[in-house]
Amino acid sequence: KALYRWTLGADLLSNSLYFGLVGLGP
């Protein structure tokens, strides 16, 4: 379960930064 939680956290962080690129423009 610790691996699952770490993976979920890493996924939320990395995908948040990635999908945040939607803000690079109007």
PDB file of all heavy atoms in Angstrom:
ATOM      1  N   LYS A   1       0.816  -1.215   0.000  1.00  0.00           N
ATOM      2  CA  LYS A   1       0.000   0.000   0.000  1.00  0.00           C
ATOM      3  C   LYS A   1       0.851   1.267   0.000  1.00  0.00           C
ATOM      4  O   LYS A   1       0.442   2.288  -0.538  1.00  0.00           O
ATOM      5  CB  LYS A   1      -0.951  -0.008   1.202  1.00  0.00           C
ATOM      6  CG  LYS A   1      -2.048  -1.021   1.064  1.00  0.00           C
ATOM      7  CD  LYS A   1      -3.041  -0.935   2.198  1.00  0.00           C
ATOM      8  CE  LYS A   1      -4.090  -2.032   1.984  1.00  0.00           C
ATOM      9  NZ  LYS A   1      -5.250  -1.851   2.817  1.00  0.00           N
ATOM     10  N   ALA A   2       2.033   1.199   0.601  1.00  0.00           N
ATOM     11  CA  ALA A   2       2.923   2.368   0.589  1.00  0.00           C
ATOM     12  C   ALA A   2       3.361   2.683  -0.844  1.00  0.00           C
ATOM     13  O   ALA A   2       3.410   3.854  -1.237  1.00  0.00           O
ATOM     14  CB  ALA A   2       4.137   2.130   1.479  1.00  0.00           C
ATOM     15  N   LEU A   3       3.652   1.656  -1.623  1.00  0.00           N
ATOM     16  CA  LEU A   3       4.029   1.864  -3.025  1.00  0.00           C
ATOM     17  C   LEU A   3       2.868   2.496  -3.787  1.00  0.00           C
ATOM     18  O   LEU A   3       3.063   3.431  -4.569  1.00  0.00           O
ATOM     19  CB  LEU A   3       4.450   0.543  -3.676  1.00  0.00           C
ATOM     20  CG  LEU A   3       4.790   0.606  -5.166  1.00  0.00           C
ATOM     21  CD1 LEU A   3       5.954   1.553  -5.433  1.00  0.00           C
ATOM     22  CD2 LEU A   3       5.100  -0.798  -5.694  1.00  0.00           C
ATOM     23  N   TYR A   4       1.666   2.017  -3.536  1.00  0.00           N
ATOM     24  CA  TYR A   4       0.489   2.573  -4.189  1.00  0.00           C
ATOM     25  C   TYR A   4       0.325   4.055  -3.827  1.00  0.00           C
ATOM     26  O   TYR A   4       0.091   4.895  -4.698  1.00  0.00           O
ATOM     27  CB  TYR A   4      -0.758   1.776  -3.795  1.00  0.00           C
ATOM     28  CG  TYR A   4      -2.036   2.396  -4.300  1.00  0.00           C
ATOM     29  CD1 TYR A   4      -2.427   2.234  -5.626  1.00  0.00           C
ATOM     30  CD2 TYR A   4      -2.838   3.162  -3.462  1.00  0.00           C
ATOM     31  CE1 TYR A   4      -3.596   2.816  -6.092  1.00  0.00           C
ATOM     32  CE2 TYR A   4      -3.998   3.743  -3.924  1.00  0.00           C
ATOM     33  CZ  TYR A   4      -4.372   3.569  -5.229  1.00  0.00           C
ATOM     34  OH  TYR A   4      -5.518   4.150  -5.696  1.00  0.00           O
ATOM     35  N   ARG A   5       0.442   4.398  -2.546  1.00  0.00           N
ATOM     36  CA  ARG A   5       0.279   5.789  -2.105  1.00  0.00           C
ATOM     37  C   ARG A   5       1.357   6.692  -2.706  1.00  0.00           C
ATOM     38  O   ARG A   5       1.059   7.798  -3.146  1.00  0.00           O
ATOM     39  CB  ARG A   5       0.289   5.874  -0.579  1.00  0.00           C
ATOM     40  CG  ARG A   5      -1.001   5.387   0.067  1.00  0.00           C
ATOM     41  CD  ARG A   5      -1.083   5.727   1.542  1.00  0.00           C
ATOM     42  NE  ARG A   5       0.013   5.177   2.325  1.00  0.00           N
ATOM     43  CZ  ARG A   5       0.009   3.964   2.886  1.00  0.00           C
ATOM     44  NH1 ARG A   5      -1.044   3.188   2.749  1.00  0.00           N
ATOM     45  NH2 ARG A   5       1.053   3.553   3.574  1.00  0.00           N
ATOM     46  N   TRP A   6       2.608   6.227  -2.704  1.00  0.00           N
ATOM     47  CA  TRP A   6       3.690   7.014  -3.297  1.00  0.00           C
ATOM     48  C   TRP A   6       3.432   7.223  -4.794  1.00  0.00           C
ATOM     49  O   TRP A   6       3.664   8.307  -5.322  1.00  0.00           O
ATOM     50  CB  TRP A   6       5.030   6.313  -3.096  1.00  0.00           C
ATOM     51  CG  TRP A   6       5.657   6.563  -1.768  1.00  0.00           C
ATOM     52  CD1 TRP A   6       5.240   6.098  -0.557  1.00  0.00           C
ATOM     53  CD2 TRP A   6       6.809   7.349  -1.523  1.00  0.00           C
ATOM     54  NE1 TRP A   6       6.078   6.540   0.424  1.00  0.00           N
ATOM     55  CE2 TRP A   6       7.056   7.314  -0.136  1.00  0.00           C
ATOM     56  CE3 TRP A   6       7.673   8.069  -2.338  1.00  0.00           C
ATOM     57  CZ2 TRP A   6       8.123   7.978   0.447  1.00  0.00           C
ATOM     58  CZ3 TRP A   6       8.737   8.727  -1.759  1.00  0.00           C
ATOM     59  CH2 TRP A   6       8.947   8.685  -0.380  1.00  0.00           C
ATOM     60  N   THR A   7       2.975   6.176  -5.446  1.00  0.00           N
ATOM     61  CA  THR A   7       2.698   6.272  -6.885  1.00  0.00           C
ATOM     62  C   THR A   7       1.569   7.252  -7.149  1.00  0.00           C
ATOM     63  O   THR A   7       1.655   8.082  -8.064  1.00  0.00           O
ATOM     64  CB  THR A   7       2.350   4.886  -7.466  1.00  0.00           C
ATOM     65  OG1 THR A   7       3.447   4.010  -7.230  1.00  0.00           O
ATOM     66  CG2 THR A   7       2.066   4.956  -8.947  1.00  0.00           C
ATOM     67  N   LEU A   8       0.512   7.175  -6.349  1.00  0.00           N
ATOM     68  CA  LEU A   8      -0.612   8.091  -6.519  1.00  0.00           C
ATOM     69  C   LEU A   8      -0.155   9.537  -6.304  1.00  0.00           C
ATOM     70  O   LEU A   8      -0.501  10.424  -7.089  1.00  0.00           O
ATOM     71  CB  LEU A   8      -1.747   7.734  -5.553  1.00  0.00           C
ATOM     72  CG  LEU A   8      -3.017   8.570  -5.666  1.00  0.00           C
ATOM     73  CD1 LEU A   8      -3.624   8.463  -7.053  1.00  0.00           C
ATOM     74  CD2 LEU A   8      -4.017   8.126  -4.600  1.00  0.00           C
ATOM     75  N   GLY A   9       0.649   9.775  -5.283  1.00  0.00           N
ATOM     76  CA  GLY A   9       1.162  11.123  -5.038  1.00  0.00           C
ATOM     77  C   GLY A   9       2.040  11.623  -6.169  1.00  0.00           C
ATOM     78  O   GLY A   9       1.905  12.770  -6.617  1.00  0.00           O
ATOM     79  N   ALA A  10       2.939  10.763  -6.641  1.00  0.00           N
ATOM     80  CA  ALA A  10       3.823  11.150  -7.749  1.00  0.00           C
ATOM     81  C   ALA A  10       3.019  11.408  -9.015  1.00  0.00           C
ATOM     82  O   ALA A  10       3.311  12.342  -9.777  1.00  0.00           O
ATOM     83  CB  ALA A  10       4.873  10.063  -7.995  1.00  0.00           C
ATOM     84  N   ASP A  11       1.994  10.589  -9.229  1.00  0.00           N
ATOM     85  CA  ASP A  11       1.151  10.750 -10.404  1.00  0.00           C
ATOM     86  C   ASP A  11       0.376  12.068 -10.342  1.00  0.00           C
ATOM     87  O   ASP A  11       0.306  12.802 -11.327  1.00  0.00           O
ATOM     88  CB  ASP A  11       0.193   9.564 -10.514  1.00  0.00           C
ATOM     89  CG  ASP A  11      -0.585   9.586 -11.803  1.00  0.00           C
ATOM     90  OD1 ASP A  11       0.045   9.505 -12.873  1.00  0.00           O
ATOM     91  OD2 ASP A  11      -1.828   9.693 -11.744  1.00  0.00           O
ATOM     92  N   LEU A  12      -0.209  12.369  -9.182  1.00  0.00           N
ATOM     93  CA  LEU A  12      -0.946  13.625  -9.047  1.00  0.00           C
ATOM     94  C   LEU A  12      -0.023  14.831  -9.238  1.00  0.00           C
ATOM     95  O   LEU A  12      -0.396  15.788  -9.918  1.00  0.00           O
ATOM     96  CB  LEU A  12      -1.646  13.693  -7.691  1.00  0.00           C
ATOM     97  CG  LEU A  12      -2.875  12.804  -7.549  1.00  0.00           C
ATOM     98  CD1 LEU A  12      -3.356  12.769  -6.105  1.00  0.00           C
ATOM     99  CD2 LEU A  12      -3.994  13.259  -8.481  1.00  0.00           C
ATOM    100  N   LEU A  13       1.172  14.767  -8.677  1.00  0.00           N
ATOM    101  CA  LEU A  13       2.113  15.877  -8.820  1.00  0.00           C
ATOM    102  C   LEU A  13       2.559  16.044 -10.273  1.00  0.00           C
ATOM    103  O   LEU A  13       2.467  17.139 -10.848  1.00  0.00           O
ATOM    104  CB  LEU A  13       3.332  15.665  -7.919  1.00  0.00           C
ATOM    105  CG  LEU A  13       4.427  16.724  -8.051  1.00  0.00           C
ATOM    106  CD1 LEU A  13       3.905  18.099  -7.640  1.00  0.00           C
ATOM    107  CD2 LEU A  13       5.641  16.337  -7.232  1.00  0.00           C
ATOM    108  N   SER A  14       3.025  14.954 -10.883  1.00  0.00           N
ATOM    109  CA  SER A  14       3.543  15.067 -12.251  1.00  0.00           C
ATOM    110  C   SER A  14       2.445  15.423 -13.253  1.00  0.00           C
ATOM    111  O   SER A  14       2.647  16.274 -14.123  1.00  0.00           O
ATOM    112  CB  SER A  14       4.265  13.788 -12.672  1.00  0.00           C
ATOM    113  OG  SER A  14       3.376  12.691 -12.669  1.00  0.00           O
ATOM    114  N   ASN A  15       1.280  14.806 -13.121  1.00  0.00           N
ATOM    115  CA  ASN A  15       0.192  15.124 -14.056  1.00  0.00           C
ATOM    116  C   ASN A  15      -0.358  16.526 -13.816  1.00  0.00           C
ATOM    117  O   ASN A  15      -0.805  17.181 -14.758  1.00  0.00           O
ATOM    118  CB  ASN A  15      -0.921  14.082 -13.980  1.00  0.00           C
ATOM    119  CG  ASN A  15      -0.596  12.846 -14.779  1.00  0.00           C
ATOM    120  OD1 ASN A  15       0.190  12.887 -15.719  1.00  0.00           O
ATOM    121  ND2 ASN A  15      -1.194  11.731 -14.407  1.00  0.00           N
ATOM    122  N   SER A  16      -0.343  16.995 -12.563  1.00  0.00           N
ATOM    123  CA  SER A  16      -0.783  18.373 -12.299  1.00  0.00           C
ATOM    124  C   SER A  16       0.133  19.365 -13.009  1.00  0.00           C
ATOM    125  O   SER A  16      -0.337  20.322 -13.641  1.00  0.00           O
ATOM    126  CB  SER A  16      -0.786  18.667 -10.800  1.00  0.00           C
ATOM    127  OG  SER A  16      -1.783  17.929 -10.144  1.00  0.00           O
ATOM    128  N   LEU A  17       1.429  19.148 -12.907  1.00  0.00           N
ATOM    129  CA  LEU A  17       2.373  20.031 -13.592  1.00  0.00           C
ATOM    130  C   LEU A  17       2.220  19.925 -15.108  1.00  0.00           C
ATOM    131  O   LEU A  17       2.236  20.936 -15.822  1.00  0.00           O
ATOM    132  CB  LEU A  17       3.803  19.705 -13.170  1.00  0.00           C
ATOM    133  CG  LEU A  17       4.124  20.016 -11.704  1.00  0.00           C
ATOM    134  CD1 LEU A  17       5.505  19.488 -11.347  1.00  0.00           C
ATOM    135  CD2 LEU A  17       4.013  21.502 -11.424  1.00  0.00           C
ATOM    136  N   TYR A  18       2.057  18.702 -15.595  1.00  0.00           N
ATOM    137  CA  TYR A  18       1.916  18.492 -17.039  1.00  0.00           C
ATOM    138  C   TYR A  18       0.638  19.153 -17.565  1.00  0.00           C
ATOM    139  O   TYR A  18       0.684  19.950 -18.510  1.00  0.00           O
ATOM    140  CB  TYR A  18       1.913  16.993 -17.346  1.00  0.00           C
ATOM    141  CG  TYR A  18       1.678  16.690 -18.807  1.00  0.00           C
ATOM    142  CD1 TYR A  18       2.687  16.877 -19.748  1.00  0.00           C
ATOM    143  CD2 TYR A  18       0.447  16.233 -19.255  1.00  0.00           C
ATOM    144  CE1 TYR A  18       2.479  16.621 -21.092  1.00  0.00           C
ATOM    145  CE2 TYR A  18       0.228  15.962 -20.598  1.00  0.00           C
ATOM    146  CZ  TYR A  18       1.240  16.164 -21.509  1.00  0.00           C
ATOM    147  OH  TYR A  18       1.024  15.903 -22.840  1.00  0.00           O
ATOM    148  N   PHE A  19      -0.502  18.840 -16.965  1.00  0.00           N
ATOM    149  CA  PHE A  19      -1.758  19.415 -17.444  1.00  0.00           C
ATOM    150  C   PHE A  19      -1.838  20.912 -17.164  1.00  0.00           C
ATOM    151  O   PHE A  19      -2.615  21.619 -17.807  1.00  0.00           O
ATOM    152  CB  PHE A  19      -2.965  18.679 -16.854  1.00  0.00           C
ATOM    153  CG  PHE A  19      -3.228  17.345 -17.482  1.00  0.00           C
ATOM    154  CD1 PHE A  19      -3.254  16.195 -16.710  1.00  0.00           C
ATOM    155  CD2 PHE A  19      -3.448  17.216 -18.840  1.00  0.00           C
ATOM    156  CE1 PHE A  19      -3.504  14.956 -17.279  1.00  0.00           C
ATOM    157  CE2 PHE A  19      -3.690  15.981 -19.427  1.00  0.00           C
ATOM    158  CZ  PHE A  19      -3.714  14.847 -18.639  1.00  0.00           C
ATOM    159  N   GLY A  20      -1.035  21.411 -16.227  1.00  0.00           N
ATOM    160  CA  GLY A  20      -0.968  22.844 -15.994  1.00  0.00           C
ATOM    161  C   GLY A  20      -0.423  23.611 -17.182  1.00  0.00           C
ATOM    162  O   GLY A  20      -0.626  24.823 -17.296  1.00  0.00           O
ATOM    163  N   LEU A  21       0.232  22.907 -18.097  1.00  0.00           N
ATOM    164  CA  LEU A  21       0.731  23.553 -19.319  1.00  0.00           C
ATOM    165  C   LEU A  21      -0.405  24.121 -20.164  1.00  0.00           C
ATOM    166  O   LEU A  21      -0.170  24.938 -21.054  1.00  0.00           O
ATOM    167  CB  LEU A  21       1.561  22.568 -20.148  1.00  0.00           C
ATOM    168  CG  LEU A  21       2.866  22.099 -19.505  1.00  0.00           C
ATOM    169  CD1 LEU A  21       3.513  21.003 -20.357  1.00  0.00           C
ATOM    170  CD2 LEU A  21       3.818  23.254 -19.296  1.00  0.00           C
ATOM    171  N   VAL A  22      -1.621  23.713 -19.875  1.00  0.00           N
ATOM    172  CA  VAL A  22      -2.780  24.256 -20.581  1.00  0.00           C
ATOM    173  C   VAL A  22      -2.846  25.777 -20.385  1.00  0.00           C
ATOM    174  O   VAL A  22      -3.403  26.495 -21.215  1.00  0.00           O
ATOM    175  CB  VAL A  22      -4.086  23.555 -20.119  1.00  0.00           C
ATOM    176  CG1 VAL A  22      -4.560  24.064 -18.781  1.00  0.00           C
ATOM    177  CG2 VAL A  22      -5.178  23.678 -21.147  1.00  0.00           C
ATOM    178  N   GLY A  23      -2.226  26.269 -19.311  1.00  0.00           N
ATOM    179  CA  GLY A  23      -2.235  27.693 -19.026  1.00  0.00           C
ATOM    180  C   GLY A  23      -1.179  28.498 -19.739  1.00  0.00           C
ATOM    181  O   GLY A  23      -1.058  29.697 -19.501  1.00  0.00           O
ATOM    182  N   LEU A  24      -0.415  27.891 -20.626  1.00  0.00           N
ATOM    183  CA  LEU A  24       0.622  28.626 -21.355  1.00  0.00           C
ATOM    184  C   LEU A  24       0.070  29.272 -22.617  1.00  0.00           C
ATOM    185  O   LEU A  24       0.510  29.018 -23.727  1.00  0.00           O
ATOM    186  CB  LEU A  24       1.788  27.697 -21.710  1.00  0.00           C
ATOM    187  CG  LEU A  24       2.585  27.178 -20.533  1.00  0.00           C
ATOM    188  CD1 LEU A  24       3.702  26.261 -21.005  1.00  0.00           C
ATOM    189  CD2 LEU A  24       3.157  28.326 -19.717  1.00  0.00           C
ATOM    190  N   GLY A  25      -0.897  30.087 -22.441  1.00  0.00           N
ATOM    191  CA  GLY A  25      -1.498  30.774 -23.567  1.00  0.00           C
ATOM    192  C   GLY A  25      -2.830  31.350 -23.157  1.00  0.00           C
ATOM    193  O   GLY A  25      -3.264  31.189 -22.012  1.00  0.00           O
ATOM    194  N   PRO A  26      -3.497  32.000 -24.083  1.00  0.00           N
ATOM    195  CA  PRO A  26      -4.782  32.607 -23.741  1.00  0.00           C
ATOM    196  C   PRO A  26      -5.846  31.545 -23.453  1.00  0.00           C
ATOM    197  O   PRO A  26      -5.794  30.430 -23.975  1.00  0.00           O
ATOM    198  CB  PRO A  26      -5.141  33.424 -24.989  1.00  0.00           C
ATOM    199  CG  PRO A  26      -4.369  32.805 -26.104  1.00  0.00           C
ATOM    200  CD  PRO A  26      -3.115  32.243 -25.477  1.00  0.00           C
TER     201      PRO A  26
END
